[in-house]
Protein backbone atom coordinates (compact mmCIF):
# COMPACT_ATOMS: atom_id res chain seq x y z
CA MET A 1 176.59 231.30 134.16
CA LYS A 2 173.97 233.85 135.25
CA GLN A 3 172.52 236.59 133.07
CA PHE A 4 170.15 239.49 133.39
CA GLN A 5 169.11 242.38 131.19
CA TYR A 6 169.02 245.97 132.35
CA THR A 7 167.83 249.16 130.67
CA ILE A 8 170.06 252.14 131.52
CA THR A 9 168.17 254.90 133.33
CA ASP A 10 171.05 257.29 134.13
CA PRO A 11 170.25 260.53 132.24
CA ILE A 12 173.77 260.72 130.82
CA GLY A 13 174.19 257.00 130.09
CA VAL A 14 177.27 255.05 131.15
CA HIS A 15 179.87 257.81 131.54
CA ALA A 16 183.15 257.99 133.48
CA ARG A 17 181.87 258.12 137.07
CA PRO A 18 179.40 255.21 136.97
CA ALA A 19 181.72 253.20 134.70
CA GLY A 20 184.50 253.63 137.27
CA MET A 21 182.18 252.59 140.08
CA LEU A 22 181.10 249.55 138.03
CA ALA A 23 184.71 248.52 137.39
CA LYS A 24 185.49 248.80 141.11
CA ALA A 25 182.39 246.79 142.07
CA ALA A 26 183.17 244.09 139.49
CA LYS A 27 186.79 243.79 140.69
CA ALA A 28 185.53 243.03 144.20
CA LEU A 29 183.68 239.93 142.95
CA ASP A 30 185.19 236.50 142.34
CA SER A 31 183.27 236.19 139.05
CA THR A 32 183.87 237.60 135.58
CA VAL A 33 181.23 240.19 134.71
CA THR A 34 180.67 240.90 131.01
CA ILE A 35 178.37 243.57 129.57
CA THR A 36 176.94 243.22 126.05
CA LYS A 37 174.79 245.71 124.16
CA ALA A 38 171.33 244.34 123.30
CA ASP A 39 172.12 244.41 119.58
CA GLY A 40 175.27 242.37 120.24
CA SER A 41 177.46 244.97 118.56
CA LYS A 42 179.79 245.59 121.53
CA SER A 43 180.85 243.69 124.60
CA ALA A 44 183.28 244.40 127.44
CA VAL A 45 184.51 242.90 130.69
CA ALA A 46 183.16 245.17 133.43
CA THR A 47 186.54 245.53 135.18
CA ARG A 48 187.98 247.29 132.11
CA LEU A 49 186.93 250.91 132.58
CA MET A 50 187.95 252.22 129.14
CA ALA A 51 186.33 249.26 127.37
CA VAL A 52 183.04 249.88 129.19
CA MET A 53 183.14 253.61 128.38
CA GLY A 54 184.04 252.78 124.78
CA MET A 55 180.79 250.89 124.37
CA GLY A 56 178.96 254.23 124.30
CA ILE A 57 175.92 253.00 126.23
CA LYS A 58 173.22 255.68 126.25
CA THR A 59 170.10 256.26 128.35
CA GLY A 60 167.33 253.85 127.41
CA GLU A 61 169.63 251.21 125.90
CA THR A 62 169.37 247.67 127.20
CA VAL A 63 172.45 245.64 128.09
CA THR A 64 172.87 241.98 128.95
CA VAL A 65 175.06 241.32 131.98
CA THR A 66 176.71 237.90 132.23
CA ILE A 67 178.29 236.60 135.43
CA GLU A 68 180.59 233.57 135.20
CA GLY A 69 182.64 231.69 137.78
CA GLY A 70 182.90 232.04 141.54
CA ASN A 71 179.72 232.38 143.54
CA GLU A 72 177.49 233.28 140.59
CA GLU A 73 174.23 233.51 142.59
CA ALA A 74 175.52 236.04 145.12
CA ASN A 75 177.60 237.96 142.61
CA ALA A 76 174.71 238.24 140.14
CA ALA A 77 172.48 239.61 142.91
CA ALA A 78 175.16 242.10 143.99
CA ILE A 79 175.89 243.41 140.49
CA GLU A 80 172.18 243.61 139.62
CA GLN A 81 171.62 245.69 142.77
CA PHE A 82 174.55 247.92 141.71
CA PHE A 83 172.94 248.50 138.30
CA LYS A 84 169.59 249.41 139.90
CA GLU A 85 171.20 251.89 142.30
CA ASN A 86 173.75 253.50 139.96
CA LEU A 87 172.85 253.03 136.31
């Protein structure tokens, strides 16, 4: 299991377009990617678009991203790069 924390910088937060891109990127990996709000109140599997949008993640909020199974090293690096470029 690999984890990293990321603070959302997108001015609108995690809305439909970046959430859709995240779901697509997560589906391409052979690991399960889970996003959890820093306060632990909500969590969702990244491939579930509506669940991710339902978390209501706003600009400036920190999330913990957990990568489990498959090639965790490579997948963690890929999804972290995705977050930096898109969220």
